[in-house]
């Protein structure tokens, strides 16, 4: 049974939008296609998202938030020492990006297009991720494991330095046979640079 306008939620719309984008791609997917998939009028979709751009921004944010949520548990896990937390966080970020690219390449390609349109969602995502890294670096400084005069600046540098392993523009490199050893070498170098003494 198709949802009525009363039972239609933003989350249901975002789920349907993701499916429509997977089928049609970002160039051909329309709000009418989303409404048709839900069995409602396109006006019902517009009651939740005022414009097509707002819907695309929201679906991009939802996609990026999945990665942020996955990583936040590592960033705040006080049971792990800061060095382990940093290594695990960077490895989980790399794994999440590779999983998205390899597990659903059509949708990944679609989201690359949407991310290019959704500057605000991407900027918020990067801010969230560097905030998580900042908390890890701060924990390392507080425990005496890391040295950093400015954990936020250090976190941004860590994020930028590891870009090859999470920035989608490098997706073509993520399946290379030596990528794991390259990742380990970079993380080892960064951790050595952070260690106190």
C-alpha atoms as a PDB file:
ATOM      1  CA  UNK A   1       0.000   0.000   0.000  1.00  0.00           C
ATOM      2  CA  UNK A   2       1.356   3.394  -0.997  1.00  0.00           C
ATOM      3  CA  UNK A   3       1.965   5.893   1.810  1.00  0.00           C
ATOM      4  CA  UNK A   4      -0.491   8.752   2.142  1.00  0.00           C
ATOM      5  CA  UNK A   5       0.596  12.341   2.506  1.00  0.00           C
ATOM      6  CA  UNK A   6      -0.056  12.012   6.261  1.00  0.00           C
ATOM      7  CA  UNK A   7       2.322   9.038   6.653  1.00  0.00           C
ATOM      8  CA  UNK A   8       4.946  10.362   4.288  1.00  0.00           C
ATOM      9  CA  UNK A   9       8.128  11.272   6.181  1.00  0.00           C
ATOM     10  CA  UNK A  10      11.316  12.985   5.148  1.00  0.00           C
ATOM     11  CA  UNK A  11      13.190   9.730   5.798  1.00  0.00           C
ATOM     12  CA  UNK A  12      10.901   7.767   3.438  1.00  0.00           C
ATOM     13  CA  UNK A  13      11.400  10.411   0.777  1.00  0.00           C
ATOM     14  CA  UNK A  14      15.185  10.254   1.178  1.00  0.00           C
ATOM     15  CA  UNK A  15      15.142   6.449   0.909  1.00  0.00           C
ATOM     16  CA  UNK A  16      13.061   6.632  -2.268  1.00  0.00           C
ATOM     17  CA  UNK A  17      15.283   9.380  -3.672  1.00  0.00           C
ATOM     18  CA  UNK A  18      18.332   7.192  -3.174  1.00  0.00           C
ATOM     19  CA  UNK A  19      16.658   4.366  -5.111  1.00  0.00           C
ATOM     20  CA  UNK A  20      15.596   6.726  -7.896  1.00  0.00           C
ATOM     21  CA  UNK A  21      19.117   8.119  -8.125  1.00  0.00           C
ATOM     22  CA  UNK A  22      20.512   4.589  -8.289  1.00  0.00           C
ATOM     23  CA  UNK A  23      18.173   3.727 -11.178  1.00  0.00           C
ATOM     24  CA  UNK A  24      18.242   6.960 -13.173  1.00  0.00           C
ATOM     25  CA  UNK A  25      21.401   8.803 -12.145  1.00  0.00           C
ATOM     26  CA  UNK A  26      21.563  12.439 -11.049  1.00  0.00           C
ATOM     27  CA  UNK A  27      21.012  13.914 -14.520  1.00  0.00           C
ATOM     28  CA  UNK A  28      17.700  12.130 -15.151  1.00  0.00           C
ATOM     29  CA  UNK A  29      16.219  11.661 -11.675  1.00  0.00           C
ATOM     30  CA  UNK A  30      13.333  14.027 -10.955  1.00  0.00           C
ATOM     31  CA  UNK A  31      11.091  14.833  -8.032  1.00  0.00           C
ATOM     32  CA  UNK A  32       8.231  13.360 -10.074  1.00  0.00           C
ATOM     33  CA  UNK A  33      10.171  10.056 -10.232  1.00  0.00           C
ATOM     34  CA  UNK A  34      10.567  10.121  -6.447  1.00  0.00           C
ATOM     35  CA  UNK A  35       6.872  10.863  -5.949  1.00  0.00           C
ATOM     36  CA  UNK A  36       5.923   8.075  -8.361  1.00  0.00           C
ATOM     37  CA  UNK A  37       8.134   5.604  -6.459  1.00  0.00           C
ATOM     38  CA  UNK A  38       6.316   6.587  -3.248  1.00  0.00           C
ATOM     39  CA  UNK A  39       2.856   6.567  -4.821  1.00  0.00           C
ATOM     40  CA  UNK A  40       2.200  10.212  -3.929  1.00  0.00           C
ATOM     41  CA  UNK A  41       1.981  13.504  -5.787  1.00  0.00           C
ATOM     42  CA  UNK A  42       5.130  15.516  -6.348  1.00  0.00           C
ATOM     43  CA  UNK A  43       3.477  18.242  -4.236  1.00  0.00           C
ATOM     44  CA  UNK A  44       3.637  15.867  -1.264  1.00  0.00           C
ATOM     45  CA  UNK A  45       7.411  15.601  -1.725  1.00  0.00           C
ATOM     46  CA  UNK A  46       7.704  19.389  -2.005  1.00  0.00           C
ATOM     47  CA  UNK A  47       5.919  19.787   1.338  1.00  0.00           C
ATOM     48  CA  UNK A  48       8.985  18.153   2.941  1.00  0.00           C
ATOM     49  CA  UNK A  49      11.667  19.543   0.605  1.00  0.00           C
ATOM     50  CA  UNK A  50      10.836  22.915  -0.927  1.00  0.00           C
ATOM     51  CA  UNK A  51      13.053  22.457  -3.998  1.00  0.00           C
ATOM     52  CA  UNK A  52      14.765  19.732  -5.959  1.00  0.00           C
ATOM     53  CA  UNK A  53      18.087  21.220  -4.820  1.00  0.00           C
ATOM     54  CA  UNK A  54      17.015  20.948  -1.158  1.00  0.00           C
ATOM     55  CA  UNK A  55      16.088  17.290  -1.683  1.00  0.00           C
ATOM     56  CA  UNK A  56      19.417  16.551  -3.349  1.00  0.00           C
ATOM     57  CA  UNK A  57      21.289  18.363  -0.558  1.00  0.00           C
ATOM     58  CA  UNK A  58      19.401  16.344   2.075  1.00  0.00           C
ATOM     59  CA  UNK A  59      20.069  13.011   0.402  1.00  0.00           C
ATOM     60  CA  UNK A  60      23.759  13.899   0.074  1.00  0.00           C
ATOM     61  CA  UNK A  61      23.909  14.880   3.751  1.00  0.00           C
ATOM     62  CA  UNK A  62      22.230  11.608   4.733  1.00  0.00           C
ATOM     63  CA  UNK A  63      24.799   9.648   2.726  1.00  0.00           C
ATOM     64  CA  UNK A  64      27.735  11.530   4.268  1.00  0.00           C
ATOM     65  CA  UNK A  65      26.275  11.298   7.773  1.00  0.00           C
ATOM     66  CA  UNK A  66      26.402   7.504   7.613  1.00  0.00           C
ATOM     67  CA  UNK A  67      30.198   7.693   7.527  1.00  0.00           C
ATOM     68  CA  UNK A  68      30.325  10.323  10.286  1.00  0.00           C
ATOM     69  CA  UNK A  69      28.113   8.233  12.565  1.00  0.00           C
ATOM     70  CA  UNK A  70      30.206   5.118  11.978  1.00  0.00           C
ATOM     71  CA  UNK A  71      33.369   6.984  12.942  1.00  0.00           C
ATOM     72  CA  UNK A  72      32.016   8.921  15.918  1.00  0.00           C
ATOM     73  CA  UNK A  73      31.973   5.818  18.110  1.00  0.00           C
ATOM     74  CA  UNK A  74      35.689   5.335  17.535  1.00  0.00           C
ATOM     75  CA  UNK A  75      36.472   9.005  18.190  1.00  0.00           C
ATOM     76  CA  UNK A  76      34.765   8.918  21.579  1.00  0.00           C
ATOM     77  CA  UNK A  77      35.823   5.412  22.670  1.00  0.00           C
ATOM     78  CA  UNK A  78      37.793   6.138  25.843  1.00  0.00           C
ATOM     79  CA  UNK A  79      38.502   2.404  26.256  1.00  0.00           C
ATOM     80  CA  UNK A  80      41.034   2.674  23.424  1.00  0.00           C
ATOM     81  CA  UNK A  81      44.250   4.597  23.911  1.00  0.00           C
ATOM     82  CA  UNK A  82      44.510   7.688  21.649  1.00  0.00           C
ATOM     83  CA  UNK A  83      47.053   6.151  19.273  1.00  0.00           C
ATOM     84  CA  UNK A  84      44.878   3.081  18.709  1.00  0.00           C
ATOM     85  CA  UNK A  85      41.834   5.322  18.367  1.00  0.00           C
ATOM     86  CA  UNK A  86      43.596   7.428  15.730  1.00  0.00           C
ATOM     87  CA  UNK A  87      44.762   4.389  13.766  1.00  0.00           C
ATOM     88  CA  UNK A  88      41.330   2.732  13.990  1.00  0.00           C
ATOM     89  CA  UNK A  89      39.520   5.934  13.001  1.00  0.00           C
ATOM     90  CA  UNK A  90      41.674   6.508   9.920  1.00  0.00           C
ATOM     91  CA  UNK A  91      41.363   2.832   8.923  1.00  0.00           C
ATOM     92  CA  UNK A  92      37.579   2.939   9.381  1.00  0.00           C
ATOM     93  CA  UNK A  93      37.313   6.096   7.255  1.00  0.00           C
ATOM     94  CA  UNK A  94      39.323   4.476   4.473  1.00  0.00           C
ATOM     95  CA  UNK A  95      37.294   1.253   4.708  1.00  0.00           C
ATOM     96  CA  UNK A  96      33.978   3.146   4.644  1.00  0.00           C
ATOM     97  CA  UNK A  97      34.923   5.108   1.547  1.00  0.00           C
ATOM     98  CA  UNK A  98      36.182   2.000  -0.254  1.00  0.00           C
ATOM     99  CA  UNK A  99      33.057   0.084   0.728  1.00  0.00           C
ATOM    100  CA  UNK A 100      30.842   2.819  -0.704  1.00  0.00           C
ATOM    101  CA  UNK A 101      32.854   3.004  -3.919  1.00  0.00           C
ATOM    102  CA  UNK A 102      33.107  -0.750  -4.450  1.00  0.00           C
ATOM    103  CA  UNK A 103      29.780  -1.884  -3.023  1.00  0.00           C
ATOM    104  CA  UNK A 104      27.558   0.356  -5.124  1.00  0.00           C
ATOM    105  CA  UNK A 105      29.673   2.073  -7.810  1.00  0.00           C
ATOM    106  CA  UNK A 106      26.683   3.597  -9.611  1.00  0.00           C
ATOM    107  CA  UNK A 107      25.388   5.244  -6.462  1.00  0.00           C
ATOM    108  CA  UNK A 108      28.913   6.314  -5.485  1.00  0.00           C
ATOM    109  CA  UNK A 109      29.315   8.026  -8.877  1.00  0.00           C
ATOM    110  CA  UNK A 110      25.916   9.671  -8.386  1.00  0.00           C
ATOM    111  CA  UNK A 111      26.918  10.974  -4.984  1.00  0.00           C
ATOM    112  CA  UNK A 112      30.123  12.424  -6.381  1.00  0.00           C
ATOM    113  CA  UNK A 113      27.979  14.537  -8.694  1.00  0.00           C
ATOM    114  CA  UNK A 114      25.618  15.496  -5.861  1.00  0.00           C
ATOM    115  CA  UNK A 115      28.507  16.305  -3.512  1.00  0.00           C
ATOM    116  CA  UNK A 116      29.825  18.708  -6.144  1.00  0.00           C
ATOM    117  CA  UNK A 117      26.447  20.470  -6.060  1.00  0.00           C
ATOM    118  CA  UNK A 118      26.081  20.321  -2.276  1.00  0.00           C
ATOM    119  CA  UNK A 119      28.915  22.443  -1.003  1.00  0.00           C
ATOM    120  CA  UNK A 120      27.250  22.978   2.363  1.00  0.00           C
ATOM    121  CA  UNK A 121      26.729  19.274   3.058  1.00  0.00           C
ATOM    122  CA  UNK A 122      30.304  18.435   2.127  1.00  0.00           C
ATOM    123  CA  UNK A 123      31.747  21.307   4.174  1.00  0.00           C
ATOM    124  CA  UNK A 124      29.662  20.225   7.193  1.00  0.00           C
ATOM    125  CA  UNK A 125      30.858  16.635   6.725  1.00  0.00           C
ATOM    126  CA  UNK A 126      34.515  17.673   6.658  1.00  0.00           C
ATOM    127  CA  UNK A 127      33.963  19.884   9.712  1.00  0.00           C
ATOM    128  CA  UNK A 128      32.388  16.967  11.566  1.00  0.00           C
ATOM    129  CA  UNK A 129      35.204  14.578  10.645  1.00  0.00           C
ATOM    130  CA  UNK A 130      37.960  17.021  11.575  1.00  0.00           C
ATOM    131  CA  UNK A 131      36.087  17.670  14.831  1.00  0.00           C
ATOM    132  CA  UNK A 132      36.218  13.960  15.595  1.00  0.00           C
ATOM    133  CA  UNK A 133      39.936  13.913  14.825  1.00  0.00           C
ATOM    134  CA  UNK A 134      40.397  16.958  17.066  1.00  0.00           C
ATOM    135  CA  UNK A 135      38.856  15.040  19.981  1.00  0.00           C
ATOM    136  CA  UNK A 136      41.264  12.150  19.376  1.00  0.00           C
ATOM    137  CA  UNK A 137      44.277  14.468  19.263  1.00  0.00           C
ATOM    138  CA  UNK A 138      43.080  16.297  22.401  1.00  0.00           C
ATOM    139  CA  UNK A 139      42.770  12.954  24.211  1.00  0.00           C
ATOM    140  CA  UNK A 140      46.307  12.125  23.122  1.00  0.00           C
ATOM    141  CA  UNK A 141      47.641  15.442  24.387  1.00  0.00           C
ATOM    142  CA  UNK A 142      45.790  15.061  27.705  1.00  0.00           C
ATOM    143  CA  UNK A 143      47.178  11.542  28.210  1.00  0.00           C
ATOM    144  CA  UNK A 144      50.709  12.618  27.274  1.00  0.00           C
ATOM    145  CA  UNK A 145      50.775  10.304  24.235  1.00  0.00           C
ATOM    146  CA  UNK A 146      50.738  13.135  21.653  1.00  0.00           C
ATOM    147  CA  UNK A 147      52.335  16.545  21.394  1.00  0.00           C
ATOM    148  CA  UNK A 148      50.285  19.280  19.729  1.00  0.00           C
ATOM    149  CA  UNK A 149      50.097  22.973  20.525  1.00  0.00           C
ATOM    150  CA  UNK A 150      46.836  23.231  18.568  1.00  0.00           C
ATOM    151  CA  UNK A 151      44.832  19.979  18.285  1.00  0.00           C
ATOM    152  CA  UNK A 152      42.342  21.457  15.796  1.00  0.00           C
ATOM    153  CA  UNK A 153      45.118  22.488  13.399  1.00  0.00           C
ATOM    154  CA  UNK A 154      46.786  19.109  13.872  1.00  0.00           C
ATOM    155  CA  UNK A 155      43.486  17.359  13.127  1.00  0.00           C
ATOM    156  CA  UNK A 156      43.003  19.308   9.897  1.00  0.00           C
ATOM    157  CA  UNK A 157      46.567  18.440   8.874  1.00  0.00           C
ATOM    158  CA  UNK A 158      45.943  14.743   9.595  1.00  0.00           C
ATOM    159  CA  UNK A 159      42.767  14.828   7.522  1.00  0.00           C
ATOM    160  CA  UNK A 160      44.429  16.599   4.611  1.00  0.00           C
ATOM    161  CA  UNK A 161      47.534  14.408   4.703  1.00  0.00           C
ATOM    162  CA  UNK A 162      45.465  11.234   4.481  1.00  0.00           C
ATOM    163  CA  UNK A 163      43.252  12.563   1.686  1.00  0.00           C
ATOM    164  CA  UNK A 164      44.503   9.948  -0.762  1.00  0.00           C
ATOM    165  CA  UNK A 165      42.706   7.345   1.357  1.00  0.00           C
ATOM    166  CA  UNK A 166      39.324   9.050   1.701  1.00  0.00           C
ATOM    167  CA  UNK A 167      38.923  11.829  -0.849  1.00  0.00           C
ATOM    168  CA  UNK A 168      36.737  10.457  -3.661  1.00  0.00           C
ATOM    169  CA  UNK A 169      38.970  12.018  -6.309  1.00  0.00           C
ATOM    170  CA  UNK A 170      41.438   9.200  -5.500  1.00  0.00           C
ATOM    171  CA  UNK A 171      38.889   6.386  -5.900  1.00  0.00           C
ATOM    172  CA  UNK A 172      40.870   4.917  -8.802  1.00  0.00           C
ATOM    173  CA  UNK A 173      43.819   4.240  -6.491  1.00  0.00           C
ATOM    174  CA  UNK A 174      41.842   2.441  -3.763  1.00  0.00           C
ATOM    175  CA  UNK A 175      42.027  -0.953  -5.483  1.00  0.00           C
ATOM    176  CA  UNK A 176      45.754  -0.875  -6.215  1.00  0.00           C
ATOM    177  CA  UNK A 177      47.608  -3.854  -4.719  1.00  0.00           C
ATOM    178  CA  UNK A 178      49.985  -1.655  -2.692  1.00  0.00           C
ATOM    179  CA  UNK A 179      47.337   0.701  -1.280  1.00  0.00           C
ATOM    180  CA  UNK A 180      47.182  -1.018   2.125  1.00  0.00           C
ATOM    181  CA  UNK A 181      50.945  -0.825   2.622  1.00  0.00           C
ATOM    182  CA  UNK A 182      50.915   2.816   1.508  1.00  0.00           C
ATOM    183  CA  UNK A 183      48.130   3.555   3.999  1.00  0.00           C
ATOM    184  CA  UNK A 184      50.006   1.857   6.843  1.00  0.00           C
ATOM    185  CA  UNK A 185      53.212   3.726   6.014  1.00  0.00           C
ATOM    186  CA  UNK A 186      51.461   7.111   6.029  1.00  0.00           C
ATOM    187  CA  UNK A 187      49.643   6.415   9.315  1.00  0.00           C
ATOM    188  CA  UNK A 188      52.840   5.143  10.951  1.00  0.00           C
ATOM    189  CA  UNK A 189      54.646   8.311   9.903  1.00  0.00           C
ATOM    190  CA  UNK A 190      51.873  10.540  11.240  1.00  0.00           C
ATOM    191  CA  UNK A 191      51.691   8.713  14.570  1.00  0.00           C
ATOM    192  CA  UNK A 192      55.465   8.936  15.021  1.00  0.00           C
ATOM    193  CA  UNK A 193      55.234  12.665  14.398  1.00  0.00           C
ATOM    194  CA  UNK A 194      52.536  13.046  17.057  1.00  0.00           C
ATOM    195  CA  UNK A 195      54.176  11.006  19.791  1.00  0.00           C
ATOM    196  CA  UNK A 196      55.443  12.843  22.801  1.00  0.00           C
ATOM    197  CA  UNK A 197      59.160  12.746  23.317  1.00  0.00           C
END
